[in-house]
Amino acid sequence: DLFLAAEPEARVACETFATTNRVILGGEVRASRHNLPSIIAAIE
């Protein structure tokens, strides 16, 4: 939703792993260079 809110044509394949006191993201994304830094900063 973060990616699509900033850029409706963004590409996302995000996988999440969660265990004791830990959350890990992995996968593939694509957005414009203009939007990508602010999206990444907003994720955590």
PDB file of all heavy atoms in Angstrom:
ATOM      1  N   ASP A   1       0.820  -1.214   0.000  1.00  0.00           N
ATOM      2  CA  ASP A   1       0.000   0.000   0.000  1.00  0.00           C
ATOM      3  C   ASP A   1       0.854   1.263   0.000  1.00  0.00           C
ATOM      4  O   ASP A   1       0.481   2.274  -0.628  1.00  0.00           O
ATOM      5  CB  ASP A   1      -0.936   0.004   1.205  1.00  0.00           C
ATOM      6  CG  ASP A   1      -2.145  -0.904   1.023  1.00  0.00           C
ATOM      7  OD1 ASP A   1      -2.349  -1.407  -0.100  1.00  0.00           O
ATOM      8  OD2 ASP A   1      -2.885  -1.108   2.007  1.00  0.00           O
ATOM      9  N   LEU A   2       1.983   1.241   0.689  1.00  0.00           N
ATOM     10  CA  LEU A   2       2.880   2.403   0.661  1.00  0.00           C
ATOM     11  C   LEU A   2       3.340   2.702  -0.751  1.00  0.00           C
ATOM     12  O   LEU A   2       3.358   3.864  -1.188  1.00  0.00           O
ATOM     13  CB  LEU A   2       4.100   2.140   1.547  1.00  0.00           C
ATOM     14  CG  LEU A   2       3.967   2.338   3.046  1.00  0.00           C
ATOM     15  CD1 LEU A   2       5.264   1.937   3.729  1.00  0.00           C
ATOM     16  CD2 LEU A   2       3.622   3.792   3.384  1.00  0.00           C
ATOM     17  N   PHE A   3       3.740   1.675  -1.472  1.00  0.00           N
ATOM     18  CA  PHE A   3       4.208   1.868  -2.842  1.00  0.00           C
ATOM     19  C   PHE A   3       3.083   2.362  -3.743  1.00  0.00           C
ATOM     20  O   PHE A   3       3.266   3.310  -4.518  1.00  0.00           O
ATOM     21  CB  PHE A   3       4.786   0.557  -3.395  1.00  0.00           C
ATOM     22  CG  PHE A   3       6.239   0.347  -3.066  1.00  0.00           C
ATOM     23  CD1 PHE A   3       6.612  -0.221  -1.864  1.00  0.00           C
ATOM     24  CD2 PHE A   3       7.233   0.721  -3.958  1.00  0.00           C
ATOM     25  CE1 PHE A   3       7.956  -0.411  -1.544  1.00  0.00           C
ATOM     26  CE2 PHE A   3       8.579   0.538  -3.656  1.00  0.00           C
ATOM     27  CZ  PHE A   3       8.937  -0.035  -2.447  1.00  0.00           C
ATOM     28  N   LEU A   4       1.907   1.747  -3.659  1.00  0.00           N
ATOM     29  CA  LEU A   4       0.811   2.123  -4.545  1.00  0.00           C
ATOM     30  C   LEU A   4       0.262   3.517  -4.224  1.00  0.00           C
ATOM     31  O   LEU A   4      -0.209   4.217  -5.118  1.00  0.00           O
ATOM     32  CB  LEU A   4      -0.308   1.088  -4.470  1.00  0.00           C
ATOM     33  CG  LEU A   4       0.043  -0.316  -4.985  1.00  0.00           C
ATOM     34  CD1 LEU A   4      -1.156  -1.242  -4.841  1.00  0.00           C
ATOM     35  CD2 LEU A   4       0.517  -0.274  -6.433  1.00  0.00           C
ATOM     36  N   ALA A   5       0.327   3.918  -2.951  1.00  0.00           N
ATOM     37  CA  ALA A   5      -0.121   5.266  -2.587  1.00  0.00           C
ATOM     38  C   ALA A   5       0.775   6.326  -3.223  1.00  0.00           C
ATOM     39  O   ALA A   5       0.307   7.395  -3.626  1.00  0.00           O
ATOM     40  CB  ALA A   5      -0.132   5.424  -1.073  1.00  0.00           C
ATOM     41  N   ALA A   6       2.063   6.031  -3.319  1.00  0.00           N
ATOM     42  CA  ALA A   6       3.005   6.981  -3.903  1.00  0.00           C
ATOM     43  C   ALA A   6       3.050   6.875  -5.420  1.00  0.00           C
ATOM     44  O   ALA A   6       3.278   7.877  -6.108  1.00  0.00           O
ATOM     45  CB  ALA A   6       4.404   6.741  -3.337  1.00  0.00           C
ATOM     46  N   GLU A   7       2.826   5.676  -5.933  1.00  0.00           N
ATOM     47  CA  GLU A   7       3.002   5.433  -7.366  1.00  0.00           C
ATOM     48  C   GLU A   7       2.122   4.247  -7.774  1.00  0.00           C
ATOM     49  O   GLU A   7       2.492   3.089  -7.563  1.00  0.00           O
ATOM     50  CB  GLU A   7       4.479   5.132  -7.657  1.00  0.00           C
ATOM     51  CG  GLU A   7       4.851   5.212  -9.099  1.00  0.00           C
ATOM     52  CD  GLU A   7       6.363   5.256  -9.284  1.00  0.00           C
ATOM     53  OE1 GLU A   7       7.037   6.067  -8.590  1.00  0.00           O
ATOM     54  OE2 GLU A   7       6.866   4.495 -10.113  1.00  0.00           O
ATOM     55  N   PRO A   8       0.946   4.511  -8.339  1.00  0.00           N
ATOM     56  CA  PRO A   8      -0.009   3.429  -8.627  1.00  0.00           C
ATOM     57  C   PRO A   8       0.526   2.317  -9.522  1.00  0.00           C
ATOM     58  O   PRO A   8       0.031   1.183  -9.442  1.00  0.00           O
ATOM     59  CB  PRO A   8      -1.172   4.164  -9.297  1.00  0.00           C
ATOM     60  CG  PRO A   8      -1.101   5.549  -8.735  1.00  0.00           C
ATOM     61  CD  PRO A   8       0.361   5.838  -8.596  1.00  0.00           C
ATOM     62  N   GLU A   9       1.520   2.612 -10.352  1.00  0.00           N
ATOM     63  CA  GLU A   9       2.070   1.585 -11.237  1.00  0.00           C
ATOM     64  C   GLU A   9       3.315   0.911 -10.647  1.00  0.00           C
ATOM     65  O   GLU A   9       4.020   0.178 -11.355  1.00  0.00           O
ATOM     66  CB  GLU A   9       2.424   2.202 -12.596  1.00  0.00           C
ATOM     67  CG  GLU A   9       1.245   2.826 -13.330  1.00  0.00           C
ATOM     68  CD  GLU A   9       0.258   1.789 -13.843  1.00  0.00           C
ATOM     69  OE1 GLU A   9       0.676   0.647 -14.084  1.00  0.00           O
ATOM     70  OE2 GLU A   9      -0.932   2.134 -13.987  1.00  0.00           O
ATOM     71  N   ALA A  10       3.594   1.138  -9.389  1.00  0.00           N
ATOM     72  CA  ALA A  10       4.762   0.514  -8.760  1.00  0.00           C
ATOM     73  C   ALA A  10       4.635  -1.005  -8.791  1.00  0.00           C
ATOM     74  O   ALA A  10       3.537  -1.558  -8.856  1.00  0.00           O
ATOM     75  CB  ALA A  10       4.904   1.000  -7.323  1.00  0.00           C
ATOM     76  N   ARG A  11       5.781  -1.657  -8.740  1.00  0.00           N
ATOM     77  CA  ARG A  11       5.813  -3.119  -8.717  1.00  0.00           C
ATOM     78  C   ARG A  11       6.332  -3.578  -7.353  1.00  0.00           C
ATOM     79  O   ARG A  11       7.350  -3.076  -6.860  1.00  0.00           O
ATOM     80  CB  ARG A  11       6.723  -3.660  -9.814  1.00  0.00           C
ATOM     81  CG  ARG A  11       6.304  -3.240 -11.212  1.00  0.00           C
ATOM     82  CD  ARG A  11       5.112  -4.045 -11.713  1.00  0.00           C
ATOM     83  NE  ARG A  11       4.548  -3.447 -12.912  1.00  0.00           N
ATOM     84  CZ  ARG A  11       5.088  -3.542 -14.115  1.00  0.00           C
ATOM     85  NH1 ARG A  11       6.211  -4.200 -14.292  1.00  0.00           N
ATOM     86  NH2 ARG A  11       4.487  -2.968 -15.146  1.00  0.00           N
ATOM     87  N   VAL A  12       5.640  -4.538  -6.775  1.00  0.00           N
ATOM     88  CA  VAL A  12       5.997  -5.008  -5.437  1.00  0.00           C
ATOM     89  C   VAL A  12       5.778  -6.512  -5.349  1.00  0.00           C
ATOM     90  O   VAL A  12       4.737  -7.024  -5.785  1.00  0.00           O
ATOM     91  CB  VAL A  12       5.144  -4.314  -4.343  1.00  0.00           C
ATOM     92  CG1 VAL A  12       5.533  -4.818  -2.955  1.00  0.00           C
ATOM     93  CG2 VAL A  12       5.280  -2.800  -4.418  1.00  0.00           C
ATOM     94  N   ALA A  13       6.760  -7.198  -4.802  1.00  0.00           N
ATOM     95  CA  ALA A  13       6.603  -8.600  -4.374  1.00  0.00           C
ATOM     96  C   ALA A  13       7.329  -8.704  -3.041  1.00  0.00           C
ATOM     97  O   ALA A  13       8.528  -8.965  -2.990  1.00  0.00           O
ATOM     98  CB  ALA A  13       7.181  -9.559  -5.396  1.00  0.00           C
ATOM     99  N   CYS A  14       6.614  -8.444  -1.961  1.00  0.00           N
ATOM    100  CA  CYS A  14       7.214  -8.310  -0.632  1.00  0.00           C
ATOM    101  C   CYS A  14       6.869  -9.510   0.242  1.00  0.00           C
ATOM    102  O   CYS A  14       5.688  -9.799   0.482  1.00  0.00           O
ATOM    103  CB  CYS A  14       6.720  -7.026   0.039  1.00  0.00           C
ATOM    104  SG  CYS A  14       7.313  -6.807   1.737  1.00  0.00           S
ATOM    105  N   GLU A  15       7.894 -10.192   0.722  1.00  0.00           N
ATOM    106  CA  GLU A  15       7.724 -11.310   1.643  1.00  0.00           C
ATOM    107  C   GLU A  15       8.209 -10.895   3.034  1.00  0.00           C
ATOM    108  O   GLU A  15       9.200 -10.177   3.164  1.00  0.00           O
ATOM    109  CB  GLU A  15       8.536 -12.521   1.172  1.00  0.00           C
ATOM    110  CG  GLU A  15       8.319 -12.901  -0.281  1.00  0.00           C
ATOM    111  CD  GLU A  15       6.928 -13.422  -0.579  1.00  0.00           C
ATOM    112  OE1 GLU A  15       6.212 -13.780   0.377  1.00  0.00           O
ATOM    113  OE2 GLU A  15       6.557 -13.487  -1.763  1.00  0.00           O
ATOM    114  N   THR A  16       7.509 -11.373   4.053  1.00  0.00           N
ATOM    115  CA  THR A  16       7.838 -11.033   5.443  1.00  0.00           C
ATOM    116  C   THR A  16       8.063 -12.300   6.252  1.00  0.00           C
ATOM    117  O   THR A  16       7.338 -13.289   6.103  1.00  0.00           O
ATOM    118  CB  THR A  16       6.703 -10.215   6.078  1.00  0.00           C
ATOM    119  OG1 THR A  16       6.475  -9.036   5.309  1.00  0.00           O
ATOM    120  CG2 THR A  16       7.041  -9.827   7.511  1.00  0.00           C
ATOM    121  N   PHE A  17       9.073 -12.247   7.105  1.00  0.00           N
ATOM    122  CA  PHE A  17       9.351 -13.314   8.072  1.00  0.00           C
ATOM    123  C   PHE A  17       9.343 -12.682   9.459  1.00  0.00           C
ATOM    124  O   PHE A  17       9.971 -11.646   9.680  1.00  0.00           O
ATOM    125  CB  PHE A  17      10.708 -13.953   7.789  1.00  0.00           C
ATOM    126  CG  PHE A  17      11.208 -14.866   8.880  1.00  0.00           C
ATOM    127  CD1 PHE A  17      10.512 -16.011   9.213  1.00  0.00           C
ATOM    128  CD2 PHE A  17      12.375 -14.576   9.576  1.00  0.00           C
ATOM    129  CE1 PHE A  17      10.967 -16.860  10.214  1.00  0.00           C
ATOM    130  CE2 PHE A  17      12.850 -15.414  10.576  1.00  0.00           C
ATOM    131  CZ  PHE A  17      12.141 -16.564  10.900  1.00  0.00           C
ATOM    132  N   ALA A  18       8.624 -13.290  10.375  1.00  0.00           N
ATOM    133  CA  ALA A  18       8.559 -12.773  11.749  1.00  0.00           C
ATOM    134  C   ALA A  18       8.836 -13.899  12.730  1.00  0.00           C
ATOM    135  O   ALA A  18       8.328 -15.015  12.583  1.00  0.00           O
ATOM    136  CB  ALA A  18       7.189 -12.167  12.032  1.00  0.00           C
ATOM    137  N   THR A  19       9.657 -13.588  13.737  1.00  0.00           N
ATOM    138  CA  THR A  19       9.931 -14.531  14.821  1.00  0.00           C
ATOM    139  C   THR A  19      10.161 -13.712  16.087  1.00  0.00           C
ATOM    140  O   THR A  19       9.869 -12.502  16.113  1.00  0.00           O
ATOM    141  CB  THR A  19      11.133 -15.434  14.473  1.00  0.00           C
ATOM    142  OG1 THR A  19      11.266 -16.445  15.489  1.00  0.00           O
ATOM    143  CG2 THR A  19      12.424 -14.648  14.348  1.00  0.00           C
ATOM    144  N   THR A  20      10.665 -14.336  17.132  1.00  0.00           N
ATOM    145  CA  THR A  20      10.838 -13.642  18.399  1.00  0.00           C
ATOM    146  C   THR A  20      11.630 -12.343  18.212  1.00  0.00           C
ATOM    147  O   THR A  20      12.775 -12.363  17.764  1.00  0.00           O
ATOM    148  CB  THR A  20      11.568 -14.557  19.400  1.00  0.00           C
ATOM    149  OG1 THR A  20      10.821 -15.764  19.536  1.00  0.00           O
ATOM    150  CG2 THR A  20      11.709 -13.885  20.748  1.00  0.00           C
ATOM    151  N   ASN A  21      10.978 -11.220  18.506  1.00  0.00           N
ATOM    152  CA  ASN A  21      11.594  -9.892  18.471  1.00  0.00           C
ATOM    153  C   ASN A  21      12.296  -9.565  17.153  1.00  0.00           C
ATOM    154  O   ASN A  21      13.313  -8.872  17.142  1.00  0.00           O
ATOM    155  CB  ASN A  21      12.590  -9.737  19.635  1.00  0.00           C
ATOM    156  CG  ASN A  21      11.884  -9.363  20.920  1.00  0.00           C
ATOM    157  OD1 ASN A  21      10.802  -8.763  20.895  1.00  0.00           O
ATOM    158  ND2 ASN A  21      12.467  -9.728  22.053  1.00  0.00           N
ATOM    159  N   ARG A  22      11.742 -10.034  16.036  1.00  0.00           N
ATOM    160  CA  ARG A  22      12.394  -9.775  14.753  1.00  0.00           C
ATOM    161  C   ARG A  22      11.369  -9.816  13.620  1.00  0.00           C
ATOM    162  O   ARG A  22      10.531 -10.716  13.566  1.00  0.00           O
ATOM    163  CB  ARG A  22      13.487 -10.801  14.504  1.00  0.00           C
ATOM    164  CG  ARG A  22      14.387 -10.497  13.298  1.00  0.00           C
ATOM    165  CD  ARG A  22      15.452 -11.570  13.162  1.00  0.00           C
ATOM    166  NE  ARG A  22      16.315 -11.613  14.346  1.00  0.00           N
ATOM    167  CZ  ARG A  22      17.445 -10.937  14.468  1.00  0.00           C
ATOM    168  NH1 ARG A  22      17.862 -10.150  13.482  1.00  0.00           N
ATOM    169  NH2 ARG A  22      18.170 -11.044  15.570  1.00  0.00           N
ATOM    170  N   VAL A  23      11.465  -8.844  12.709  1.00  0.00           N
ATOM    171  CA  VAL A  23      10.696  -8.826  11.466  1.00  0.00           C
ATOM    172  C   VAL A  23      11.652  -8.547  10.326  1.00  0.00           C
ATOM    173  O   VAL A  23      12.435  -7.584  10.379  1.00  0.00           O
ATOM    174  CB  VAL A  23       9.580  -7.752  11.500  1.00  0.00           C
ATOM    175  CG1 VAL A  23       8.899  -7.642  10.135  1.00  0.00           C
ATOM    176  CG2 VAL A  23       8.549  -8.077  12.572  1.00  0.00           C
ATOM    177  N   ILE A  24      11.606  -9.389   9.294  1.00  0.00           N
ATOM    178  CA  ILE A  24      12.523  -9.283   8.160  1.00  0.00           C
ATOM    179  C   ILE A  24      11.716  -9.214   6.872  1.00  0.00           C
ATOM    180  O   ILE A  24      10.813 -10.032   6.648  1.00  0.00           O
ATOM    181  CB  ILE A  24      13.483 -10.480   8.114  1.00  0.00           C
ATOM    182  CG1 ILE A  24      14.312 -10.558   9.399  1.00  0.00           C
ATOM    183  CG2 ILE A  24      14.408 -10.390   6.898  1.00  0.00           C
ATOM    184  CD1 ILE A  24      15.142 -11.824   9.514  1.00  0.00           C
ATOM    185  N   LEU A  25      12.048  -8.248   6.018  1.00  0.00           N
ATOM    186  CA  LEU A  25      11.429  -8.127   4.699  1.00  0.00           C
ATOM    187  C   LEU A  25      12.411  -8.564   3.623  1.00  0.00           C
ATOM    188  O   LEU A  25      13.612  -8.321   3.719  1.00  0.00           O
ATOM    189  CB  LEU A  25      11.019  -6.683   4.408  1.00  0.00           C
ATOM    190  CG  LEU A  25      10.111  -5.952   5.386  1.00  0.00           C
ATOM    191  CD1 LEU A  25       9.742  -4.592   4.797  1.00  0.00           C
ATOM    192  CD2 LEU A  25       8.869  -6.756   5.691  1.00  0.00           C
ATOM    193  N   GLY A  26      11.890  -9.177   2.576  1.00  0.00           N
ATOM    194  CA  GLY A  26      12.672  -9.500   1.393  1.00  0.00           C
ATOM    195  C   GLY A  26      11.766  -9.475   0.185  1.00  0.00           C
ATOM    196  O   GLY A  26      10.539  -9.530   0.301  1.00  0.00           O
ATOM    197  N   GLY A  27      12.368  -9.394  -0.999  1.00  0.00           N
ATOM    198  CA  GLY A  27      11.568  -9.387  -2.211  1.00  0.00           C
ATOM    199  C   GLY A  27      12.011  -8.323  -3.181  1.00  0.00           C
ATOM    200  O   GLY A  27      13.093  -7.737  -3.046  1.00  0.00           O
ATOM    201  N   GLU A  28      11.146  -8.072  -4.171  1.00  0.00           N
ATOM    202  CA  GLU A  28      11.500  -7.206  -5.286  1.00  0.00           C
ATOM    203  C   GLU A  28      10.504  -6.061  -5.407  1.00  0.00           C
ATOM    204  O   GLU A  28       9.294  -6.269  -5.252  1.00  0.00           O
ATOM    205  CB  GLU A  28      11.501  -8.005  -6.601  1.00  0.00           C
ATOM    206  CG  GLU A  28      12.440  -9.200  -6.600  1.00  0.00           C
ATOM    207  CD  GLU A  28      11.890 -10.397  -5.831  1.00  0.00           C
ATOM    208  OE1 GLU A  28      10.717 -10.738  -6.054  1.00  0.00           O
ATOM    209  OE2 GLU A  28      12.636 -10.957  -4.985  1.00  0.00           O
ATOM    210  N   VAL A  29      11.009  -4.881  -5.702  1.00  0.00           N
ATOM    211  CA  VAL A  29      10.161  -3.706  -5.864  1.00  0.00           C
ATOM    212  C   VAL A  29      10.663  -2.867  -7.031  1.00  0.00           C
ATOM    213  O   VAL A  29      11.819  -2.987  -7.455  1.00  0.00           O
ATOM    214  CB  VAL A  29      10.143  -2.836  -4.587  1.00  0.00           C
ATOM    215  CG1 VAL A  29       9.556  -3.610  -3.411  1.00  0.00           C
ATOM    216  CG2 VAL A  29      11.536  -2.332  -4.243  1.00  0.00           C
ATOM    217  N   ARG A  30       9.770  -2.023  -7.534  1.00  0.00           N
ATOM    218  CA  ARG A  30      10.180  -1.044  -8.539  1.00  0.00           C
ATOM    219  C   ARG A  30       9.310   0.196  -8.413  1.00  0.00           C
ATOM    220  O   ARG A  30       8.081   0.096  -8.361  1.00  0.00           O
ATOM    221  CB  ARG A  30      10.066  -1.608  -9.953  1.00  0.00           C
ATOM    222  CG  ARG A  30      10.740  -0.691 -10.993  1.00  0.00           C
ATOM    223  CD  ARG A  30      10.711  -1.307 -12.376  1.00  0.00           C
ATOM    224  NE  ARG A  30       9.407  -1.146 -13.000  1.00  0.00           N
ATOM    225  CZ  ARG A  30       9.098  -1.636 -14.198  1.00  0.00           C
ATOM    226  NH1 ARG A  30       9.984  -2.347 -14.883  1.00  0.00           N
ATOM    227  NH2 ARG A  30       7.911  -1.448 -14.707  1.00  0.00           N
ATOM    228  N   ALA A  31       9.950   1.341  -8.343  1.00  0.00           N
ATOM    229  CA  ALA A  31       9.277   2.638  -8.347  1.00  0.00           C
ATOM    230  C   ALA A  31      10.247   3.646  -8.948  1.00  0.00           C
ATOM    231  O   ALA A  31      11.428   3.354  -9.136  1.00  0.00           O
ATOM    232  CB  ALA A  31       8.868   3.050  -6.932  1.00  0.00           C
ATOM    233  N   SER A  32       9.738   4.815  -9.246  1.00  0.00           N
ATOM    234  CA  SER A  32      10.589   5.834  -9.853  1.00  0.00           C
ATOM    235  C   SER A  32      11.659   6.293  -8.875  1.00  0.00           C
ATOM    236  O   SER A  32      11.488   6.223  -7.651  1.00  0.00           O
ATOM    237  CB  SER A  32       9.737   7.035 -10.277  1.00  0.00           C
ATOM    238  OG  SER A  32       9.179   7.667  -9.138  1.00  0.00           O
ATOM    239  N   ARG A  33      12.773   6.772  -9.397  1.00  0.00           N
ATOM    240  CA  ARG A  33      13.851   7.270  -8.542  1.00  0.00           C
ATOM    241  C   ARG A  33      13.385   8.433  -7.681  1.00  0.00           C
ATOM    242  O   ARG A  33      13.893   8.642  -6.578  1.00  0.00           O
ATOM    243  CB  ARG A  33      15.034   7.690  -9.408  1.00  0.00           C
ATOM    244  CG  ARG A  33      15.756   6.523 -10.073  1.00  0.00           C
ATOM    245  CD  ARG A  33      16.983   6.987 -10.831  1.00  0.00           C
ATOM    246  NE  ARG A  33      17.691   5.867 -11.452  1.00  0.00           N
ATOM    247  CZ  ARG A  33      18.798   5.989 -12.155  1.00  0.00           C
ATOM    248  NH1 ARG A  33      19.343   7.201 -12.337  1.00  0.00           N
ATOM    249  NH2 ARG A  33      19.371   4.923 -12.683  1.00  0.00           N
ATOM    250  N   HIS A  34      12.418   9.173  -8.186  1.00  0.00           N
ATOM    251  CA  HIS A  34      11.900  10.310  -7.429  1.00  0.00           C
ATOM    252  C   HIS A  34      11.163   9.849  -6.166  1.00  0.00           C
ATOM    253  O   HIS A  34      11.293  10.469  -5.095  1.00  0.00           O
ATOM    254  CB  HIS A  34      10.958  11.130  -8.313  1.00  0.00           C
ATOM    255  CG  HIS A  34      10.233  12.224  -7.587  1.00  0.00           C
ATOM    256  ND1 HIS A  34      10.854  13.376  -7.156  1.00  0.00           N
ATOM    257  CD2 HIS A  34       8.934  12.320  -7.189  1.00  0.00           C
ATOM    258  CE1 HIS A  34       9.974  14.137  -6.532  1.00  0.00           C
ATOM    259  NE2 HIS A  34       8.809  13.525  -6.540  1.00  0.00           N
ATOM    260  N   ASN A  35      10.385   8.775  -6.275  1.00  0.00           N
ATOM    261  CA  ASN A  35       9.550   8.326  -5.162  1.00  0.00           C
ATOM    262  C   ASN A  35      10.211   7.298  -4.257  1.00  0.00           C
ATOM    263  O   ASN A  35       9.859   7.190  -3.075  1.00  0.00           O
ATOM    264  CB  ASN A  35       8.242   7.729  -5.700  1.00  0.00           C
ATOM    265  CG  ASN A  35       7.295   8.783  -6.226  1.00  0.00           C
ATOM    266  OD1 ASN A  35       7.189   9.868  -5.673  1.00  0.00           O
ATOM    267  ND2 ASN A  35       6.597   8.467  -7.313  1.00  0.00           N
ATOM    268  N   LEU A  36      11.153   6.537  -4.798  1.00  0.00           N
ATOM    269  CA  LEU A  36      11.660   5.386  -4.067  1.00  0.00           C
ATOM    270  C   LEU A  36      12.277   5.734  -2.709  1.00  0.00           C
ATOM    271  O   LEU A  36      11.974   5.055  -1.709  1.00  0.00           O
ATOM    272  CB  LEU A  36      12.658   4.614  -4.929  1.00  0.00           C
ATOM    273  CG  LEU A  36      13.094   3.247  -4.379  1.00  0.00           C
ATOM    274  CD1 LEU A  36      11.888   2.342  -4.164  1.00  0.00           C
ATOM    275  CD2 LEU A  36      14.095   2.593  -5.322  1.00  0.00           C
ATOM    276  N   PRO A  37      13.115   6.754  -2.578  1.00  0.00           N
ATOM    277  CA  PRO A  37      13.720   7.026  -1.270  1.00  0.00           C
ATOM    278  C   PRO A  37      12.695   7.318  -0.170  1.00  0.00           C
ATOM    279  O   PRO A  37      12.839   6.830   0.960  1.00  0.00           O
ATOM    280  CB  PRO A  37      14.619   8.246  -1.535  1.00  0.00           C
ATOM    281  CG  PRO A  37      14.932   8.169  -2.994  1.00  0.00           C
ATOM    282  CD  PRO A  37      13.689   7.637  -3.633  1.00  0.00           C
ATOM    283  N   SER A  38      11.662   8.094  -0.492  1.00  0.00           N
ATOM    284  CA  SER A  38      10.670   8.417   0.532  1.00  0.00           C
ATOM    285  C   SER A  38       9.831   7.199   0.894  1.00  0.00           C
ATOM    286  O   SER A  38       9.423   7.025   2.057  1.00  0.00           O
ATOM    287  CB  SER A  38       9.768   9.562   0.061  1.00  0.00           C
ATOM    288  OG  SER A  38       9.066   9.209  -1.118  1.00  0.00           O
ATOM    289  N   ILE A  39       9.564   6.331  -0.077  1.00  0.00           N
ATOM    290  CA  ILE A  39       8.822   5.110   0.225  1.00  0.00           C
ATOM    291  C   ILE A  39       9.632   4.220   1.156  1.00  0.00           C
ATOM    292  O   ILE A  39       9.115   3.714   2.173  1.00  0.00           O
ATOM    293  CB  ILE A  39       8.471   4.345  -1.064  1.00  0.00           C
ATOM    294  CG1 ILE A  39       7.580   5.181  -1.987  1.00  0.00           C
ATOM    295  CG2 ILE A  39       7.771   3.028  -0.724  1.00  0.00           C
ATOM    296  CD1 ILE A  39       7.366   4.558  -3.365  1.00  0.00           C
ATOM    297  N   ILE A  40      10.895   4.019   0.823  1.00  0.00           N
ATOM    298  CA  ILE A  40      11.751   3.160   1.646  1.00  0.00           C
ATOM    299  C   ILE A  40      11.850   3.702   3.073  1.00  0.00           C
ATOM    300  O   ILE A  40      11.784   2.939   4.049  1.00  0.00           O
ATOM    301  CB  ILE A  40      13.153   3.030   1.016  1.00  0.00           C
ATOM    302  CG1 ILE A  40      13.069   2.320  -0.346  1.00  0.00           C
ATOM    303  CG2 ILE A  40      14.092   2.287   1.954  1.00  0.00           C
ATOM    304  CD1 ILE A  40      12.528   0.912  -0.286  1.00  0.00           C
ATOM    305  N   ALA A  41      11.956   5.013   3.205  1.00  0.00           N
ATOM    306  CA  ALA A  41      12.059   5.621   4.535  1.00  0.00           C
ATOM    307  C   ALA A  41      10.787   5.423   5.352  1.00  0.00           C
ATOM    308  O   ALA A  41      10.829   5.384   6.592  1.00  0.00           O
ATOM    309  CB  ALA A  41      12.371   7.106   4.402  1.00  0.00           C
ATOM    310  N   ALA A  42       9.660   5.290   4.674  1.00  0.00           N
ATOM    311  CA  ALA A  42       8.379   5.168   5.376  1.00  0.00           C
ATOM    312  C   ALA A  42       8.059   3.735   5.787  1.00  0.00           C
ATOM    313  O   ALA A  42       7.117   3.513   6.562  1.00  0.00           O
ATOM    314  CB  ALA A  42       7.259   5.707   4.483  1.00  0.00           C
ATOM    315  N   ILE A  43       8.814   2.763   5.297  1.00  0.00           N
ATOM    316  CA  ILE A  43       8.438   1.370   5.513  1.00  0.00           C
ATOM    317  C   ILE A  43       8.507   0.960   6.974  1.00  0.00           C
ATOM    318  O   ILE A  43       7.538   0.422   7.527  1.00  0.00           O
ATOM    319  CB  ILE A  43       9.309   0.436   4.640  1.00  0.00           C
ATOM    320  CG1 ILE A  43       8.901   0.569   3.172  1.00  0.00           C
ATOM    321  CG2 ILE A  43       9.177  -1.005   5.107  1.00  0.00           C
ATOM    322  CD1 ILE A  43       9.764  -0.240   2.215  1.00  0.00           C
ATOM    323  N   GLU A  44       9.634   1.209   7.646  1.00  0.00           N
ATOM    324  CA  GLU A  44       9.737   0.739   9.028  1.00  0.00           C
ATOM    325  C   GLU A  44       8.678   1.352   9.935  1.00  0.00           C
ATOM    326  O   GLU A  44       8.029   0.607  10.701  1.00  0.00           O
ATOM    327  CB  GLU A  44      11.137   0.986   9.592  1.00  0.00           C
ATOM    328  CG  GLU A  44      11.274   0.460  11.016  1.00  0.00           C
ATOM    329  CD  GLU A  44      12.683   0.567  11.589  1.00  0.00           C
ATOM    330  OE1 GLU A  44      13.625   0.878  10.832  1.00  0.00           O
ATOM    331  OE2 GLU A  44      12.846   0.342  12.812  1.00  0.00           O
TER     332      GLU A  44
END
